[in-house]
Each structure stands twice: as C-alpha cells, then as structure tokens.
Amino acid sequence: MAVKVVGVAGVFDRLVGQGAVESELTAAAVAARDRAGSSSAMTHSWLFTGPPGSGRSVAALCFAAALQCTDEGTPGCGRCHACTTTMAGTHGDVRRVVPEGLSIGTKEMREIVQVASRRPSTGRWQVVVVEDADRLTEAAGNVLLKVVEEPPERTVFLLCAPSVDPEDISVTLRSRCRHVHLATPSVDSIARVLHERDGLDQKTAGWAASISGGHVGRARRLATDDQARARRKRALALVTATARPAAAYAAADELVKSADDEAKQVSAERDGKEREELATALGAGGTGKGTASATRGSAGALKDLEKRQKSRATRTGRDALDRALIDVAGLYRDALAVRFGAATADSSSGVTLTHPDMADQIRELATDVRPEGLLLSIQAVLDCREALETNVKPRFALAAMAAALIAARSA
C-alpha cells in the first residue's frame, strides 16, 4: 500500500512546530499497518521527551490514534471511529496512565501491565501511554521494564518524560525504547495556532505566545483566563518585593496560598463527583437487604479515595507553585541578559526575553542588582524547586528562597 508520509493531516495537526516528529511517527504507523514487524520504522516501546509544553504527551496520543486508525489513507486521519475515540480517551485498546499523585506506584503499574498483555479487542494494537513516566517509582519502573523487554506481540508502550536524564527515566528503560525528542515550539508557531484555531486576535495571540515559555497550553490559558494572568502577575511581584524584606516574605506566603487555592479549586468539583460515585457504588441510598452490610464495609474504600484525592491536590499545588518559580527565575534571567548587553529590555535586539512585556521591571532589576546577585537569585529559585521536590513544606521552602533573594540584592 503506497501511503504518503509527509504533509500529514488529521490527528497530528494538534502538534505545533514538530514536522520531523510527525514524519517519523507516521512512517512508523505505516510500517505497523503493513505488519512490517522487522521494519526499523516501528518498535514496541517509545520514549517521548521534550520541555514542558512541547507536546510530548500529545504526540504520544496522536501516535496511538495513528496506530489504531482504520482509514485506508494516511494513518491518523482524525475522522474514523478509532481516531476520534483514541483522542477522546474512550478507545477500548488505548490506556493512558496519568499520575494523579506525586508518583506512579507498583500496584497501578501491575494492573496496567496485566491488561496490556491481552490481545486487542477492537483495535489493531493494545497501546499504553504513560504520561509523566519520570514519576514512576523505582519498583514501578522495574515492573514496566520486564514487559518492555519482552513485549506482547500486539502491544505498544509510549512513555513520556522531560528528558533522557537518569533522574527522569532509568537508563535501562531508556535503552529499550525508541527515542523521539520534541523541540520547544517557536513563538510565531504558537501565536499562529492561537489565532487560527482558537480565534484569538493577533495581538493577544502574539502576547500570550511571547510569555508562554514555549508552552502551548499555558499560552492558551494566559490568553483566555483572567486568573492565570493574575497568578503570573503575583509571582513576578515577588521580585520587586525583595527590595523590602517584610514585603518579600508576605509575597512568598501569598504564592503558597495562591497555589493551595488553585489546587482546591481544581480538585473540588472532581473530588465531590468521585465521592458521590463511590457512595452510589457502595449502595448509598439503597433499600435492599445487602445495603447495610455494603455500607458498613465502605470505610476502607472511602479512606483510599481520600488518600488519592489528597495526593492529587498536593501534586496540583506543587505544579502550580513550580510554574510561579519558573516565572520568577525567568525574570532574573532576563535582567542578567540585559545587564550583560545580550538583550534589550524591549526585546528589540539580542536574545529572546522570557518576559518581554515586563520591560520596566527588567530594566530596573538589571540596574539595581549586580550580576553576581542576579546569578545568586536564579540559584535561590532553583534550590527552592529542588527543596519542593524533596517534600520540604512549601511555606518553609519559599521563606528560605525569599531570604536568599533579599540577600542577593546586596551581593
């Protein structure tokens, strides 16, 4: 069957600025369709890496759809039942492992591996997409490694991680996978997507793309969500506040509170729905003979649910806080670039600024703080992120960072 590999339409349209990746994945889907098991284009295990917002999980899901696609043209048509159900998350033979807590545990991975070992029921393949594979515990990674080393004939594993660094993915697991790296999309490509697909005016689309750090999803939120813009403004205000110690500590506390509030807001509706569904499954409101005994045995299930929800809320809050810290580090980086003449505060020349819309604040910071202090400030933010990764309480980690930022101003 002659299939055109370039100029892909359909599901891969969701990727932004990843032409080489589209071609590679489409070629693999063609090889898989033709049952070219010996073809170098197709393998059973893939690792998608790239910076946040590059679309690594989107690429993995698009590839899953292309593998299941039933259209006789180019795999990944985006129109057939297999493509639409895969992208919607309802295909019976495509499973997405999305960590809701701080890690992916052994029990969850064993359940996934058990299901993945079966033959596909309706599709061409059993496909397992593991988002945030860097959150696999060591034991869970070993469970996955065993099946990746000897995969079932009709099963494909698609892992997503920030990089191939051993801290993100084990060396052994990495060696068993075909590596696909996604680059950070350009500002112009993100702006074009926001304008053409989301219907935003060009000015708003360009502004959101320029401050998104190459993250398509974040650019969309900043362009359309007042609260997202307010959270960014609040994070950047911490830098100015370091000129007054009391204000700096208050700003740090406000960042922690903002992250907690965002986590509660995101979790509230979903948590309530899950509790209602569990209560119904356990017989709440029923009048049958077994209702009383079922209700008596529900304490353990409710406790497990509450534990998962608490872990999910913690992760949501940490992720929100991390976004704020990246914004803060970016502002110091911009000031350092301006201080050394590598960029201008209005982005008219030199390297691209992370926050081109904060020209006055960048110029003031570059003037008031010595280069040594700017470097120390960036290091303080990185140390804070590392502390949060090791489960230091956010309030303490942010307070320590604020103290380091205050000291760095006079370095």
Protein backbone atom coordinates (compact mmCIF):
# COMPACT_ATOMS: atom_id res chain seq x y z
CA MET A 1 0.00 0.00 0.00
CA ALA A 2 1.52 3.31 -1.05
CA VAL A 3 0.97 5.89 1.62
CA LYS A 4 2.22 9.45 1.64
CA VAL A 5 4.28 10.08 4.75
CA VAL A 6 4.69 13.85 4.59
CA GLY A 7 2.11 16.56 4.66
CA VAL A 8 0.16 14.80 7.38
CA ALA A 9 -3.36 15.95 8.19
CA GLY A 10 -5.67 14.77 10.92
CA VAL A 11 -4.63 14.00 14.48
CA PHE A 12 -1.07 15.26 14.05
CA ASP A 13 -2.44 18.75 13.39
CA ARG A 14 -2.57 19.04 17.17
CA LEU A 15 1.21 19.20 17.31
CA VAL A 16 2.82 22.62 16.96
CA GLY A 17 6.10 23.02 15.10
CA GLN A 18 7.04 19.32 15.12
CA GLY A 19 7.25 18.44 11.43
CA ALA A 20 10.12 15.95 11.78
CA VAL A 21 8.32 14.15 14.60
CA GLU A 22 5.11 13.90 12.54
CA SER A 23 7.02 12.31 9.65
CA GLU A 24 8.80 9.80 11.89
CA LEU A 25 5.64 8.71 13.70
CA THR A 26 3.61 8.47 10.50
CA ALA A 27 6.30 6.29 8.91
CA ALA A 28 6.18 4.03 11.97
CA ALA A 29 2.37 3.81 11.80
CA VAL A 30 2.60 2.88 8.12
CA ALA A 31 5.10 0.13 8.95
CA ALA A 32 2.87 -1.11 11.76
CA ARG A 33 -0.19 -1.17 9.49
CA ASP A 34 1.65 -3.18 6.87
CA ARG A 35 2.68 -5.58 9.63
CA ALA A 36 6.29 -4.78 8.82
CA GLY A 37 7.43 -6.15 12.13
CA SER A 38 11.05 -6.22 11.01
CA SER A 39 10.97 -2.63 9.75
CA SER A 40 13.30 -0.26 11.56
CA ALA A 41 10.49 2.33 11.44
CA MET A 42 8.37 0.52 14.05
CA THR A 43 9.12 -0.82 17.51
CA HIS A 44 7.11 -1.82 20.58
CA SER A 45 8.48 0.78 23.02
CA TRP A 46 8.83 4.53 22.52
CA LEU A 47 10.09 7.37 24.70
CA PHE A 48 8.83 10.90 24.00
CA THR A 49 10.86 13.69 25.58
CA GLY A 50 10.79 17.46 25.40
CA PRO A 51 10.43 20.56 27.57
CA PRO A 52 7.07 21.38 29.19
CA GLY A 53 4.55 22.48 26.59
CA SER A 54 6.37 20.93 23.64
CA GLY A 55 3.56 18.40 23.28
CA ARG A 56 5.20 15.11 24.21
CA SER A 57 2.01 13.56 25.63
CA VAL A 58 0.01 14.95 22.71
CA ALA A 59 2.48 13.36 20.28
CA ALA A 60 2.16 10.03 22.07
CA LEU A 61 -1.65 10.16 21.94
CA CYS A 62 -1.61 11.16 18.26
CA PHE A 63 0.69 8.23 17.53
CA ALA A 64 -1.69 5.91 19.40
CA ALA A 65 -4.52 7.17 17.20
CA ALA A 66 -2.43 6.64 14.05
CA LEU A 67 -1.67 3.07 15.11
CA GLN A 68 -5.38 2.34 15.61
CA CYS A 69 -6.58 4.33 12.56
CA THR A 70 -8.83 2.37 10.18
CA ASP A 71 -8.79 4.86 7.31
CA GLU A 72 -7.14 3.48 4.18
CA GLY A 73 -5.22 6.69 3.59
CA THR A 74 -2.51 8.12 5.81
CA PRO A 75 -2.69 6.75 9.39
CA GLY A 76 -4.11 9.27 11.85
CA CYS A 77 -6.91 10.63 9.66
CA GLY A 78 -8.69 12.14 12.66
CA ARG A 79 -12.10 11.21 11.25
CA CYS A 80 -12.53 7.46 11.74
CA HIS A 81 -14.02 5.94 14.89
CA ALA A 82 -10.63 4.67 16.06
CA CYS A 83 -9.03 8.12 15.80
CA THR A 84 -11.86 10.00 17.45
CA THR A 85 -12.22 7.57 20.36
CA THR A 86 -8.48 7.45 20.95
CA MET A 87 -8.20 11.24 21.10
CA ALA A 88 -11.28 11.39 23.35
CA GLY A 89 -9.82 8.79 25.71
CA THR A 90 -12.56 6.20 25.15
CA HIS A 91 -10.89 3.66 22.84
CA GLY A 92 -11.06 0.20 24.41
CA ASP A 93 -7.48 -0.72 23.50
CA VAL A 94 -5.72 2.55 24.40
CA ARG A 95 -4.88 3.16 28.04
CA ARG A 96 -3.46 6.38 29.43
CA VAL A 97 -1.55 6.27 32.69
CA VAL A 98 -1.80 9.81 34.09
CA PRO A 99 -0.37 10.15 37.61
CA GLU A 100 -2.84 11.88 39.88
CA GLY A 101 -0.49 11.89 42.84
CA LEU A 102 3.19 12.57 43.26
CA SER A 103 4.22 9.23 41.75
CA ILE A 104 3.08 6.16 39.80
CA GLY A 105 3.14 3.17 42.12
CA THR A 106 3.76 -0.54 41.68
CA LYS A 107 0.14 -1.60 42.15
CA GLU A 108 -1.12 0.73 39.41
CA MET A 109 1.61 -0.35 37.00
CA ARG A 110 0.97 -4.06 37.59
CA GLU A 111 -2.71 -3.59 36.79
CA ILE A 112 -1.86 -1.75 33.58
CA VAL A 113 0.70 -4.36 32.51
CA GLN A 114 -1.79 -7.15 33.12
CA VAL A 115 -4.38 -5.54 30.86
CA ALA A 116 -1.77 -4.59 28.26
CA SER A 117 -0.69 -8.20 27.93
CA ARG A 118 -4.05 -9.15 26.43
CA ARG A 119 -4.72 -9.18 22.73
CA PRO A 120 -6.51 -6.08 21.41
CA SER A 121 -10.28 -6.44 21.48
CA THR A 122 -11.34 -3.93 18.83
CA GLY A 123 -8.24 -2.15 17.61
CA ARG A 124 -5.05 -3.10 15.82
CA TRP A 125 -2.91 -2.80 18.96
CA GLN A 126 -3.01 -2.61 22.72
CA VAL A 127 -1.46 0.81 23.35
CA VAL A 128 -0.32 2.05 26.76
CA VAL A 129 0.53 5.75 27.07
CA VAL A 130 2.44 6.54 30.28
CA GLU A 131 2.38 10.29 30.81
CA ASP A 132 4.96 11.71 33.22
CA ALA A 133 6.99 8.48 33.21
CA ASP A 134 9.53 10.39 35.30
CA ARG A 135 7.09 9.92 38.19
CA LEU A 136 7.46 6.13 38.14
CA THR A 137 8.78 4.79 41.42
CA GLU A 138 11.81 2.54 41.10
CA ALA A 139 9.70 -0.55 41.78
CA ALA A 140 7.02 0.51 39.27
CA GLY A 141 9.73 1.15 36.70
CA ASN A 142 11.04 -2.37 37.19
CA VAL A 143 7.56 -3.80 36.65
CA LEU A 144 7.28 -1.88 33.40
CA LEU A 145 10.81 -2.84 32.34
CA LYS A 146 10.03 -6.55 32.49
CA VAL A 147 7.18 -6.28 30.00
CA VAL A 148 9.04 -3.77 27.80
CA GLU A 149 11.95 -6.21 27.50
CA GLU A 150 9.60 -8.95 26.27
CA PRO A 151 6.51 -7.13 24.96
CA PRO A 152 3.40 -8.98 23.81
CA GLU A 153 3.17 -9.20 20.05
CA ARG A 154 0.37 -6.66 19.61
CA THR A 155 1.22 -4.23 22.45
CA VAL A 156 2.96 -0.84 22.17
CA PHE A 157 4.23 1.23 25.10
CA LEU A 158 4.53 5.02 24.72
CA LEU A 159 6.38 6.71 27.59
CA CYS A 160 6.61 10.48 28.13
CA ALA A 161 9.31 12.20 30.18
CA PRO A 162 11.05 15.60 30.24
CA SER A 163 14.42 14.19 29.17
CA VAL A 164 16.61 11.08 28.95
CA ASP A 165 18.44 12.11 32.12
CA PRO A 166 18.63 9.18 34.59
CA GLU A 167 16.71 11.32 37.08
CA ASP A 168 13.77 11.36 34.65
CA ILE A 169 13.91 7.83 33.24
CA SER A 170 16.05 4.84 34.21
CA VAL A 171 18.97 4.10 31.92
CA THR A 172 17.80 0.52 31.36
CA LEU A 173 14.25 1.51 30.49
CA ARG A 174 15.55 4.26 28.21
CA SER A 175 17.74 1.75 26.35
CA ARG A 176 14.71 -0.39 25.48
CA CYS A 177 12.82 2.47 23.82
CA ARG A 178 12.96 4.35 20.53
CA HIS A 179 13.62 7.97 21.44
CA VAL A 180 11.58 10.83 19.96
CA HIS A 181 12.55 14.34 21.05
CA LEU A 182 10.20 17.29 20.65
CA ALA A 183 11.59 20.80 20.43
CA THR A 184 10.15 23.93 22.02
CA PRO A 185 7.68 25.47 19.53
CA SER A 186 8.56 28.93 18.24
CA VAL A 187 6.64 32.00 19.37
CA ASP A 188 5.33 32.52 15.85
CA SER A 189 4.01 28.96 15.56
CA ILE A 190 2.22 29.20 18.93
CA ALA A 191 0.72 32.58 18.03
CA ARG A 192 -0.49 31.19 14.72
CA VAL A 193 -2.25 28.30 16.48
CA LEU A 194 -3.95 30.63 18.96
CA HIS A 195 -5.08 32.91 16.15
CA GLU A 196 -6.17 30.31 13.58
CA ARG A 197 -7.54 27.54 15.82
CA ASP A 198 -8.71 29.39 18.91
CA GLY A 199 -9.94 32.52 17.14
CA LEU A 200 -7.93 34.95 19.25
CA ASP A 201 -6.97 38.30 17.80
CA GLN A 202 -3.37 38.53 16.59
CA LYS A 203 -2.24 40.97 19.29
CA THR A 204 -3.49 38.78 22.16
CA ALA A 205 -2.18 35.63 20.50
CA GLY A 206 1.26 37.18 19.97
CA TRP A 207 1.46 38.47 23.56
CA ALA A 208 0.43 35.13 25.09
CA ALA A 209 2.84 33.20 22.87
CA SER A 210 5.73 35.52 23.75
CA ILE A 211 5.40 34.97 27.51
CA SER A 212 4.43 31.29 27.50
CA GLY A 213 7.97 29.92 27.52
CA GLY A 214 7.15 27.77 24.51
CA HIS A 215 4.24 26.10 26.32
CA VAL A 216 1.21 25.95 24.03
CA GLY A 217 -1.27 25.11 26.78
CA ARG A 218 -0.02 27.87 29.03
CA ALA A 219 -0.18 30.39 26.19
CA ARG A 220 -3.83 29.46 25.70
CA ARG A 221 -4.59 29.85 29.43
CA LEU A 222 -2.84 33.20 29.66
CA ALA A 223 -4.76 34.48 26.65
CA THR A 224 -8.16 33.36 27.88
CA ASP A 225 -8.07 33.08 31.69
CA ASP A 226 -8.01 36.16 33.92
CA GLN A 227 -6.96 34.07 36.92
CA ALA A 228 -3.94 32.65 35.07
CA ARG A 229 -2.80 36.17 34.25
CA ALA A 230 -3.33 37.23 37.85
CA ARG A 231 -1.24 34.31 39.14
CA ARG A 232 1.63 35.22 36.81
CA LYS A 233 1.49 38.86 37.92
CA ARG A 234 1.51 37.77 41.55
CA ALA A 235 4.58 35.60 41.02
CA LEU A 236 6.57 38.33 39.29
CA ALA A 237 5.63 40.82 42.02
CA LEU A 238 7.79 38.80 44.40
CA VAL A 239 10.92 40.02 42.59
CA THR A 240 10.09 43.68 43.17
CA ALA A 241 9.08 42.93 46.76
CA THR A 242 12.59 41.69 47.61
CA ALA A 243 13.65 45.34 47.95
CA ARG A 244 11.61 45.37 51.20
CA PRO A 245 12.14 42.25 53.35
CA ALA A 246 8.71 42.29 55.02
CA ALA A 247 7.00 42.63 51.66
CA ALA A 248 9.12 39.80 50.23
CA TYR A 249 8.11 37.31 52.92
CA ALA A 250 4.47 38.34 52.53
CA ALA A 251 4.72 37.85 48.75
CA ALA A 252 6.25 34.40 49.26
CA ASP A 253 3.40 33.42 51.59
CA GLU A 254 0.93 34.72 49.02
CA LEU A 255 2.44 32.46 46.34
CA VAL A 256 1.98 29.42 48.56
CA LYS A 257 -1.61 30.41 49.35
CA SER A 258 -2.34 31.02 45.68
CA ALA A 259 -1.04 27.55 44.76
CA ASP A 260 -3.14 25.96 47.51
CA ASP A 261 -6.23 27.85 46.36
CA GLU A 262 -5.67 26.74 42.78
CA ALA A 263 -5.32 23.12 43.88
CA LYS A 264 -8.54 23.31 45.90
CA GLN A 265 -10.38 24.92 43.01
CA VAL A 266 -9.21 22.31 40.53
CA SER A 267 -9.94 19.41 42.89
CA ALA A 268 -13.23 20.46 44.50
CA GLU A 269 -15.66 19.54 41.73
CA ARG A 270 -13.85 16.32 40.79
CA ASP A 271 -13.49 15.19 44.41
CA GLY A 272 -17.19 15.67 45.08
CA LYS A 273 -18.16 13.74 41.97
CA GLU A 274 -15.84 10.86 42.88
CA ARG A 275 -17.26 10.65 46.39
CA GLU A 276 -20.81 10.57 45.05
CA GLU A 277 -19.94 7.85 42.53
CA LEU A 278 -18.23 5.74 45.19
CA ALA A 279 -21.13 6.17 47.61
CA THR A 280 -23.56 5.06 44.90
CA ALA A 281 -21.40 2.05 44.04
CA LEU A 282 -21.35 1.09 47.72
CA GLY A 283 -25.13 1.21 47.96
CA ALA A 284 -25.81 4.62 49.45
CA GLY A 285 -29.49 5.42 49.28
CA GLY A 286 -30.38 1.80 48.57
CA THR A 287 -33.03 -0.17 50.42
CA GLY A 288 -32.11 -3.76 49.56
CA LYS A 289 -31.09 -6.47 52.02
CA GLY A 290 -27.39 -6.11 51.31
CA THR A 291 -27.32 -2.35 51.61
CA ALA A 292 -26.49 -2.19 55.31
CA SER A 293 -23.57 -4.62 55.08
CA ALA A 294 -22.20 -2.86 51.97
CA THR A 295 -22.31 0.50 53.73
CA ARG A 296 -20.56 -0.93 56.80
CA GLY A 297 -17.69 -2.11 54.60
CA SER A 298 -17.24 1.21 52.85
CA ALA A 299 -14.88 2.85 55.33
CA GLY A 300 -11.75 1.38 53.74
CA ALA A 301 -12.77 2.38 50.21
CA LEU A 302 -13.57 5.94 51.33
CA LYS A 303 -10.25 6.19 53.12
CA ASP A 304 -8.38 5.07 49.99
CA LEU A 305 -10.27 7.60 47.89
CA GLU A 306 -9.49 10.43 50.31
CA LYS A 307 -5.81 9.44 50.26
CA ARG A 308 -5.69 9.55 46.44
CA GLN A 309 -7.51 12.88 46.37
CA LYS A 310 -5.13 14.40 48.92
CA SER A 311 -2.13 13.20 46.91
CA ARG A 312 -3.63 14.63 43.72
CA ALA A 313 -4.28 18.00 45.37
CA THR A 314 -0.70 18.08 46.67
CA ARG A 315 0.64 17.45 43.19
CA THR A 316 -1.63 20.11 41.67
CA GLY A 317 -0.44 22.65 44.23
CA ARG A 318 3.22 21.78 43.70
CA ASP A 319 2.83 22.08 39.93
CA ALA A 320 1.19 25.49 40.30
CA LEU A 321 3.97 26.66 42.60
CA ASP A 322 6.61 25.36 40.21
CA ARG A 323 5.13 27.40 37.35
CA ALA A 324 5.37 30.51 39.52
CA LEU A 325 9.01 29.78 40.38
CA ILE A 326 9.89 29.32 36.71
CA ASP A 327 8.39 32.75 36.03
CA VAL A 328 10.47 34.28 38.83
CA ALA A 329 13.68 32.65 37.58
CA GLY A 330 12.88 33.86 34.07
CA LEU A 331 12.67 37.47 35.20
CA TYR A 332 16.11 37.29 36.84
CA ARG A 333 17.45 35.64 33.70
CA ASP A 334 16.08 38.48 31.59
CA ALA A 335 17.71 41.08 33.85
CA LEU A 336 21.02 39.24 33.60
CA ALA A 337 20.80 39.20 29.79
CA VAL A 338 20.08 42.94 29.74
CA ARG A 339 22.86 43.67 32.25
CA PHE A 340 25.43 41.96 30.01
CA GLY A 341 24.05 43.53 26.84
CA ALA A 342 22.86 40.22 25.41
CA ALA A 343 19.33 41.61 25.12
CA THR A 344 17.42 44.87 25.35
CA ALA A 345 14.52 45.34 27.75
CA ASP A 346 12.15 45.96 24.86
CA SER A 347 13.29 42.77 23.03
CA SER A 348 14.30 44.84 20.01
CA SER A 349 17.62 43.03 19.77
CA GLY A 350 19.66 40.20 21.26
CA VAL A 351 18.37 37.01 22.85
CA THR A 352 14.65 36.45 23.31
CA LEU A 353 13.37 37.53 26.71
CA THR A 354 11.19 35.29 28.86
CA HIS A 355 9.00 38.23 29.89
CA PRO A 356 9.14 40.77 27.06
CA ASP A 357 6.11 42.60 28.44
CA MET A 358 7.94 43.46 31.70
CA ALA A 359 10.47 45.87 30.17
CA ASP A 360 10.42 48.46 33.01
CA GLN A 361 10.81 45.87 35.76
CA ILE A 362 13.61 44.08 33.87
CA ARG A 363 15.50 47.32 33.29
CA GLU A 364 15.15 48.34 36.93
CA LEU A 365 16.30 44.95 38.17
CA ALA A 366 19.30 44.96 35.81
CA THR A 367 20.29 48.38 37.16
CA ASP A 368 19.72 47.77 40.87
CA VAL A 369 21.25 44.29 41.25
CA ARG A 370 24.81 43.32 40.37
CA PRO A 371 25.37 40.33 38.03
CA GLU A 372 26.57 38.26 40.99
CA GLY A 373 23.31 38.98 42.78
CA LEU A 374 21.24 38.04 39.74
CA LEU A 375 23.06 34.71 39.47
CA LEU A 376 22.59 34.06 43.18
CA SER A 377 18.88 34.85 42.78
CA ILE A 378 18.49 32.34 39.99
CA GLN A 379 20.28 29.75 42.10
CA ALA A 380 17.98 30.50 45.04
CA VAL A 381 14.93 29.76 42.88
CA LEU A 382 16.49 26.52 41.60
CA ASP A 383 17.30 25.48 45.19
CA CYS A 384 13.69 26.15 46.16
CA ARG A 385 12.40 23.96 43.34
CA GLU A 386 14.75 21.20 44.44
CA ALA A 387 13.59 21.52 48.04
CA LEU A 388 9.98 21.15 46.96
CA GLU A 389 10.92 18.02 45.01
CA THR A 390 12.24 16.52 48.24
CA ASN A 391 8.94 17.30 50.00
CA VAL A 392 10.06 20.29 52.05
CA LYS A 393 6.93 22.15 53.14
CA PRO A 394 6.22 24.89 50.58
CA ARG A 395 5.94 27.65 53.17
CA PHE A 396 9.42 26.88 54.55
CA ALA A 397 10.97 26.45 51.10
CA LEU A 398 9.56 29.77 49.86
CA ALA A 399 10.61 31.59 53.03
CA ALA A 400 14.18 30.35 52.60
CA MET A 401 14.12 31.43 48.97
CA ALA A 402 12.82 34.89 49.90
CA ALA A 403 15.68 35.29 52.40
CA ALA A 404 18.21 34.30 49.73
CA LEU A 405 16.69 36.72 47.20
CA ILE A 406 16.81 39.58 49.70
CA ALA A 407 20.47 38.87 50.44
CA ALA A 408 21.29 38.60 46.73
CA ARG A 409 20.16 42.17 46.08
CA SER A 410 23.13 43.47 48.03
CA ALA A 411 25.63 40.86 46.82
